[in-house]
Amino acid sequence: QVQLVESGGELVQAGGSLRLSCAGSGRTFSYYTMAWFRHAPGKEREFVAGVSWSGGSTPYADSVKGRFTISRDNAKKTVYLQMNSLKPEDTAVYYCAADRTPAQEVSVMEPDYDYWGLGTLVTVSS
């Protein structure tokens, strides 16, 4: 069983930056594909960014490409999402997710992820 705990969400002004963290547990954390999803009010939950177990694949949603960076530190069992140039439309609850199937390709589909955190709220004011 893997537990994921997100942190770092807060209120920030448009144009600002935040770094989200996702602390994981479990002996095999380093083999999991990890991803960030977000759920904005009135919208479906969507894929934001992912990172393969090796760090070699890091796909991003078009809406965040060039502004957000995902990274992982397997020794600390932590995944990060650096968010720059934040926009009001980035306001959402951000969720960390883990796919326990080792793979070089990162899935963007929610059903492929086995473990989820409870989320952290990011609010971007205009």
N, C-alpha and C. Protein backbone atom coordinates (compact mmCIF):
# COMPACT_ATOMS: atom_id res chain seq x y z
N GLN A 1 0.84 -1.19 0.00
CA GLN A 1 0.00 0.00 0.00
C GLN A 1 0.88 1.25 0.00
N VAL A 2 0.48 2.22 -0.78
CA VAL A 2 1.22 3.46 -0.91
C VAL A 2 0.36 4.61 -0.43
N GLN A 3 0.92 5.47 0.36
CA GLN A 3 0.23 6.69 0.78
C GLN A 3 0.91 7.90 0.15
N LEU A 4 0.11 8.83 -0.32
CA LEU A 4 0.61 10.03 -0.96
C LEU A 4 0.04 11.24 -0.23
N VAL A 5 0.90 12.17 0.11
CA VAL A 5 0.47 13.37 0.83
C VAL A 5 1.00 14.60 0.11
N GLU A 6 0.07 15.40 -0.39
CA GLU A 6 0.44 16.62 -1.09
C GLU A 6 0.57 17.79 -0.12
N SER A 7 1.39 18.75 -0.50
CA SER A 7 1.52 19.98 0.28
C SER A 7 2.00 21.09 -0.65
N GLY A 8 1.87 22.33 -0.16
CA GLY A 8 2.39 23.47 -0.91
C GLY A 8 1.34 24.35 -1.54
N GLY A 9 0.10 23.91 -1.55
CA GLY A 9 -0.93 24.73 -2.14
C GLY A 9 -1.28 25.92 -1.25
N GLU A 10 -1.55 27.06 -1.89
CA GLU A 10 -1.93 28.26 -1.15
C GLU A 10 -2.48 29.30 -2.12
N LEU A 11 -2.84 30.44 -1.58
CA LEU A 11 -3.31 31.56 -2.39
C LEU A 11 -2.10 32.34 -2.91
N VAL A 12 -2.11 32.60 -4.22
CA VAL A 12 -1.00 33.33 -4.84
C VAL A 12 -1.57 34.26 -5.91
N GLN A 13 -0.86 35.34 -6.16
CA GLN A 13 -1.31 36.27 -7.20
C GLN A 13 -0.91 35.78 -8.58
N ALA A 14 -1.67 36.18 -9.57
CA ALA A 14 -1.33 35.83 -10.94
C ALA A 14 0.09 36.29 -11.26
N GLY A 15 0.83 35.44 -11.96
CA GLY A 15 2.21 35.72 -12.27
C GLY A 15 3.19 35.15 -11.27
N GLY A 16 2.68 34.71 -10.14
CA GLY A 16 3.52 34.17 -9.09
C GLY A 16 3.89 32.71 -9.31
N SER A 17 4.60 32.17 -8.33
CA SER A 17 5.08 30.79 -8.40
C SER A 17 4.74 30.02 -7.13
N LEU A 18 4.63 28.73 -7.29
CA LEU A 18 4.45 27.82 -6.16
C LEU A 18 5.17 26.53 -6.48
N ARG A 19 5.57 25.82 -5.43
CA ARG A 19 6.10 24.47 -5.62
C ARG A 19 5.27 23.52 -4.76
N LEU A 20 4.64 22.57 -5.43
CA LEU A 20 3.90 21.53 -4.75
C LEU A 20 4.81 20.34 -4.50
N SER A 21 4.57 19.67 -3.39
CA SER A 21 5.31 18.46 -3.07
C SER A 21 4.33 17.32 -2.83
N CYS A 22 4.78 16.12 -3.15
CA CYS A 22 3.99 14.91 -2.91
C CYS A 22 4.93 13.92 -2.24
N ALA A 23 4.69 13.67 -0.95
CA ALA A 23 5.51 12.72 -0.21
C ALA A 23 4.87 11.35 -0.27
N GLY A 24 5.64 10.37 -0.70
CA GLY A 24 5.12 9.02 -0.83
C GLY A 24 5.71 8.07 0.19
N SER A 25 5.17 6.87 0.22
CA SER A 25 5.66 5.83 1.11
C SER A 25 5.77 4.54 0.33
N GLY A 26 6.35 3.53 0.95
CA GLY A 26 6.46 2.25 0.28
C GLY A 26 7.85 1.99 -0.27
N ARG A 27 8.25 0.72 -0.22
CA ARG A 27 9.61 0.35 -0.62
C ARG A 27 9.83 0.47 -2.11
N THR A 28 8.75 0.39 -2.90
CA THR A 28 8.89 0.38 -4.36
C THR A 28 8.50 1.71 -4.99
N PHE A 29 8.45 2.76 -4.21
CA PHE A 29 8.05 4.08 -4.72
C PHE A 29 8.86 4.48 -5.93
N SER A 30 10.14 4.19 -5.91
CA SER A 30 11.02 4.65 -6.99
C SER A 30 10.68 4.01 -8.33
N TYR A 31 9.90 2.93 -8.34
CA TYR A 31 9.54 2.27 -9.58
C TYR A 31 8.20 2.75 -10.14
N TYR A 32 7.52 3.59 -9.42
CA TYR A 32 6.19 4.04 -9.85
C TYR A 32 6.28 5.21 -10.81
N THR A 33 5.39 5.21 -11.78
CA THR A 33 5.15 6.41 -12.56
C THR A 33 4.33 7.35 -11.67
N MET A 34 4.70 8.61 -11.65
CA MET A 34 4.01 9.58 -10.81
C MET A 34 3.43 10.69 -11.68
N ALA A 35 2.33 11.25 -11.22
CA ALA A 35 1.70 12.31 -12.00
C ALA A 35 0.96 13.28 -11.09
N TRP A 36 0.72 14.45 -11.63
CA TRP A 36 -0.14 15.44 -11.02
C TRP A 36 -1.37 15.62 -11.90
N PHE A 37 -2.53 15.61 -11.25
CA PHE A 37 -3.79 15.94 -11.89
C PHE A 37 -4.36 17.15 -11.15
N ARG A 38 -5.34 17.80 -11.77
CA ARG A 38 -6.01 18.91 -11.06
C ARG A 38 -7.50 18.90 -11.37
N HIS A 39 -8.26 19.41 -10.42
CA HIS A 39 -9.71 19.45 -10.56
C HIS A 39 -10.16 20.87 -10.23
N ALA A 40 -10.57 21.57 -11.28
CA ALA A 40 -11.05 22.94 -11.10
C ALA A 40 -12.57 22.94 -10.95
N PRO A 41 -13.12 23.94 -10.30
CA PRO A 41 -14.58 24.01 -10.11
C PRO A 41 -15.31 23.98 -11.45
N GLY A 42 -16.29 23.10 -11.54
CA GLY A 42 -17.10 23.02 -12.76
C GLY A 42 -16.45 22.30 -13.92
N LYS A 43 -15.28 21.72 -13.67
CA LYS A 43 -14.59 21.02 -14.76
C LYS A 43 -14.26 19.59 -14.36
N GLU A 44 -13.90 18.77 -15.35
CA GLU A 44 -13.44 17.42 -15.08
C GLU A 44 -12.00 17.48 -14.55
N ARG A 45 -11.64 16.45 -13.77
CA ARG A 45 -10.26 16.36 -13.35
C ARG A 45 -9.39 16.10 -14.58
N GLU A 46 -8.24 16.74 -14.64
CA GLU A 46 -7.40 16.63 -15.83
C GLU A 46 -5.95 16.36 -15.46
N PHE A 47 -5.26 15.73 -16.39
CA PHE A 47 -3.83 15.46 -16.27
C PHE A 47 -3.07 16.77 -16.40
N VAL A 48 -2.07 16.96 -15.54
CA VAL A 48 -1.24 18.15 -15.60
C VAL A 48 0.17 17.81 -16.06
N ALA A 49 0.80 16.86 -15.37
CA ALA A 49 2.18 16.48 -15.70
C ALA A 49 2.47 15.12 -15.10
N GLY A 50 3.41 14.42 -15.70
CA GLY A 50 3.80 13.11 -15.20
C GLY A 50 5.30 12.89 -15.34
N VAL A 51 5.79 11.92 -14.59
CA VAL A 51 7.22 11.58 -14.67
C VAL A 51 7.37 10.08 -14.53
N SER A 52 8.14 9.48 -15.44
CA SER A 52 8.37 8.05 -15.37
C SER A 52 9.29 7.71 -14.20
N TRP A 53 9.39 6.43 -13.90
CA TRP A 53 10.19 6.03 -12.74
C TRP A 53 11.63 6.47 -12.88
N SER A 54 12.13 6.50 -14.11
CA SER A 54 13.52 6.89 -14.34
C SER A 54 13.70 8.39 -14.48
N GLY A 55 12.59 9.10 -14.64
CA GLY A 55 12.68 10.53 -14.90
C GLY A 55 12.91 10.85 -16.35
N GLY A 56 12.96 9.83 -17.20
CA GLY A 56 13.27 10.06 -18.60
C GLY A 56 12.11 10.57 -19.43
N SER A 57 10.91 10.40 -18.96
CA SER A 57 9.72 10.87 -19.67
C SER A 57 8.94 11.80 -18.76
N THR A 58 8.67 13.00 -19.25
CA THR A 58 7.93 14.00 -18.46
C THR A 58 6.94 14.74 -19.36
N PRO A 59 5.81 14.12 -19.66
CA PRO A 59 4.80 14.81 -20.47
C PRO A 59 4.04 15.86 -19.66
N TYR A 60 3.54 16.86 -20.37
CA TYR A 60 2.78 17.94 -19.75
C TYR A 60 1.52 18.20 -20.56
N ALA A 61 0.51 18.70 -19.87
CA ALA A 61 -0.67 19.20 -20.57
C ALA A 61 -0.27 20.45 -21.33
N ASP A 62 -0.89 20.66 -22.47
CA ASP A 62 -0.56 21.84 -23.28
C ASP A 62 -0.75 23.14 -22.49
N SER A 63 -1.73 23.16 -21.61
CA SER A 63 -2.06 24.38 -20.88
C SER A 63 -0.98 24.80 -19.88
N VAL A 64 -0.07 23.88 -19.53
CA VAL A 64 0.96 24.20 -18.54
C VAL A 64 2.36 24.10 -19.10
N LYS A 65 2.47 23.64 -20.33
CA LYS A 65 3.79 23.43 -20.93
C LYS A 65 4.56 24.74 -20.96
N GLY A 66 5.81 24.69 -20.51
CA GLY A 66 6.65 25.89 -20.48
C GLY A 66 6.53 26.68 -19.18
N ARG A 67 5.52 26.36 -18.37
CA ARG A 67 5.33 27.07 -17.10
C ARG A 67 5.54 26.16 -15.89
N PHE A 68 5.15 24.89 -16.03
CA PHE A 68 5.25 23.94 -14.93
C PHE A 68 6.38 22.95 -15.21
N THR A 69 7.02 22.49 -14.14
CA THR A 69 8.07 21.48 -14.24
C THR A 69 7.86 20.42 -13.18
N ILE A 70 7.80 19.17 -13.60
CA ILE A 70 7.68 18.06 -12.66
C ILE A 70 9.05 17.43 -12.46
N SER A 71 9.32 17.00 -11.23
CA SER A 71 10.58 16.33 -10.94
C SER A 71 10.34 15.36 -9.79
N ARG A 72 11.31 14.47 -9.60
CA ARG A 72 11.18 13.50 -8.52
C ARG A 72 12.53 13.28 -7.86
N ASP A 73 12.46 12.98 -6.58
CA ASP A 73 13.65 12.62 -5.81
C ASP A 73 13.33 11.26 -5.18
N ASN A 74 13.79 10.20 -5.80
CA ASN A 74 13.43 8.86 -5.32
C ASN A 74 14.01 8.57 -3.94
N ALA A 75 15.14 9.14 -3.63
CA ALA A 75 15.73 8.92 -2.30
C ALA A 75 14.83 9.50 -1.22
N LYS A 76 14.17 10.59 -1.52
CA LYS A 76 13.26 11.21 -0.56
C LYS A 76 11.82 10.76 -0.77
N LYS A 77 11.58 9.93 -1.79
CA LYS A 77 10.23 9.46 -2.11
C LYS A 77 9.28 10.65 -2.27
N THR A 78 9.72 11.61 -3.03
CA THR A 78 8.96 12.85 -3.18
C THR A 78 8.93 13.27 -4.65
N VAL A 79 7.78 13.77 -5.06
CA VAL A 79 7.60 14.31 -6.39
C VAL A 79 7.23 15.78 -6.24
N TYR A 80 7.75 16.60 -7.12
CA TYR A 80 7.53 18.04 -7.04
C TYR A 80 6.84 18.55 -8.31
N LEU A 81 6.11 19.63 -8.15
CA LEU A 81 5.56 20.35 -9.30
C LEU A 81 5.87 21.82 -9.10
N GLN A 82 6.84 22.31 -9.86
CA GLN A 82 7.18 23.73 -9.82
C GLN A 82 6.27 24.45 -10.79
N MET A 83 5.53 25.42 -10.29
CA MET A 83 4.55 26.13 -11.10
C MET A 83 4.94 27.60 -11.16
N ASN A 84 5.23 28.08 -12.34
CA ASN A 84 5.60 29.48 -12.55
C ASN A 84 4.57 30.18 -13.43
N SER A 85 4.61 31.49 -13.43
CA SER A 85 3.70 32.29 -14.25
C SER A 85 2.26 31.83 -14.08
N LEU A 86 1.85 31.68 -12.86
CA LEU A 86 0.52 31.16 -12.57
C LEU A 86 -0.57 32.08 -13.09
N LYS A 87 -1.65 31.46 -13.52
CA LYS A 87 -2.81 32.18 -14.06
C LYS A 87 -4.05 31.83 -13.23
N PRO A 88 -5.05 32.69 -13.23
CA PRO A 88 -6.27 32.36 -12.49
C PRO A 88 -6.87 31.02 -12.92
N GLU A 89 -6.72 30.65 -14.17
CA GLU A 89 -7.28 29.38 -14.63
C GLU A 89 -6.51 28.17 -14.12
N ASP A 90 -5.40 28.39 -13.42
CA ASP A 90 -4.69 27.29 -12.76
C ASP A 90 -5.30 26.96 -11.40
N THR A 91 -6.24 27.75 -10.97
CA THR A 91 -6.91 27.50 -9.69
C THR A 91 -7.59 26.14 -9.72
N ALA A 92 -7.26 25.30 -8.75
CA ALA A 92 -7.79 23.94 -8.70
C ALA A 92 -7.25 23.22 -7.48
N VAL A 93 -7.84 22.08 -7.19
CA VAL A 93 -7.24 21.15 -6.25
C VAL A 93 -6.29 20.26 -7.04
N TYR A 94 -5.06 20.20 -6.60
CA TYR A 94 -4.03 19.42 -7.29
C TYR A 94 -3.82 18.10 -6.56
N TYR A 95 -3.87 17.02 -7.32
CA TYR A 95 -3.73 15.68 -6.78
C TYR A 95 -2.47 15.01 -7.31
N CYS A 96 -1.82 14.29 -6.42
CA CYS A 96 -0.69 13.46 -6.78
C CYS A 96 -1.21 12.03 -6.97
N ALA A 97 -0.68 11.34 -7.98
CA ALA A 97 -1.13 9.98 -8.26
C ALA A 97 0.06 9.10 -8.62
N ALA A 98 -0.07 7.81 -8.31
CA ALA A 98 1.00 6.85 -8.58
C ALA A 98 0.46 5.67 -9.38
N ASP A 99 1.20 5.31 -10.41
CA ASP A 99 0.91 4.13 -11.22
C ASP A 99 1.96 3.09 -10.88
N ARG A 100 1.54 1.97 -10.30
CA ARG A 100 2.50 0.99 -9.80
C ARG A 100 3.09 0.11 -10.88
N THR A 101 2.63 0.27 -12.13
CA THR A 101 3.17 -0.52 -13.24
C THR A 101 4.40 0.18 -13.79
N PRO A 102 5.59 -0.43 -13.66
CA PRO A 102 6.79 0.24 -14.17
C PRO A 102 6.72 0.38 -15.68
N ALA A 103 6.96 1.55 -16.17
CA ALA A 103 6.91 1.79 -17.61
C ALA A 103 7.67 3.06 -17.94
N GLN A 104 8.18 3.10 -19.15
CA GLN A 104 8.85 4.32 -19.60
C GLN A 104 7.86 5.36 -20.10
N GLU A 105 6.68 4.88 -20.53
CA GLU A 105 5.67 5.81 -21.00
C GLU A 105 4.77 6.22 -19.84
N VAL A 106 4.44 7.48 -19.77
CA VAL A 106 3.59 8.01 -18.72
C VAL A 106 2.16 8.12 -19.23
N SER A 107 1.24 7.46 -18.53
CA SER A 107 -0.15 7.55 -18.92
C SER A 107 -0.75 8.88 -18.48
N VAL A 108 -1.67 9.41 -19.29
CA VAL A 108 -2.39 10.63 -18.93
C VAL A 108 -3.81 10.31 -18.48
N MET A 109 -4.11 9.01 -18.34
CA MET A 109 -5.47 8.56 -18.04
C MET A 109 -5.61 8.24 -16.56
N GLU A 110 -6.62 8.81 -15.93
CA GLU A 110 -6.85 8.57 -14.50
C GLU A 110 -6.96 7.11 -14.11
N PRO A 111 -7.69 6.27 -14.88
CA PRO A 111 -7.87 4.87 -14.44
C PRO A 111 -6.56 4.09 -14.35
N ASP A 112 -5.51 4.58 -14.97
CA ASP A 112 -4.23 3.87 -14.94
C ASP A 112 -3.48 4.09 -13.63
N TYR A 113 -3.97 5.00 -12.82
CA TYR A 113 -3.27 5.32 -11.57
C TYR A 113 -3.94 4.61 -10.40
N ASP A 114 -3.10 3.98 -9.58
CA ASP A 114 -3.59 3.11 -8.52
C ASP A 114 -3.76 3.81 -7.18
N TYR A 115 -2.95 4.82 -6.93
CA TYR A 115 -2.96 5.48 -5.63
C TYR A 115 -3.08 6.98 -5.83
N TRP A 116 -3.85 7.61 -4.93
CA TRP A 116 -4.11 9.04 -5.02
C TRP A 116 -3.96 9.69 -3.66
N GLY A 117 -3.46 10.92 -3.66
CA GLY A 117 -3.48 11.71 -2.45
C GLY A 117 -4.81 12.42 -2.28
N LEU A 118 -4.95 13.17 -1.20
CA LEU A 118 -6.19 13.87 -0.91
C LEU A 118 -6.26 15.24 -1.56
N GLY A 119 -5.15 15.70 -2.09
CA GLY A 119 -5.15 16.96 -2.82
C GLY A 119 -4.70 18.15 -1.99
N THR A 120 -4.26 19.18 -2.71
CA THR A 120 -3.88 20.45 -2.09
C THR A 120 -4.43 21.57 -2.97
N LEU A 121 -5.02 22.58 -2.32
CA LEU A 121 -5.72 23.63 -3.06
C LEU A 121 -4.77 24.75 -3.47
N VAL A 122 -4.80 25.06 -4.75
CA VAL A 122 -4.06 26.20 -5.30
C VAL A 122 -5.08 27.22 -5.78
N THR A 123 -4.97 28.43 -5.28
CA THR A 123 -5.86 29.50 -5.69
C THR A 123 -5.02 30.65 -6.25
N VAL A 124 -5.30 31.01 -7.48
CA VAL A 124 -4.55 32.09 -8.14
C VAL A 124 -5.49 33.27 -8.33
N SER A 125 -5.17 34.38 -7.70
CA SER A 125 -6.02 35.57 -7.79
C SER A 125 -5.55 36.47 -8.93
N SER A 126 -6.52 37.16 -9.53
CA SER A 126 -6.18 38.03 -10.67
C SER A 126 -5.84 39.44 -10.21
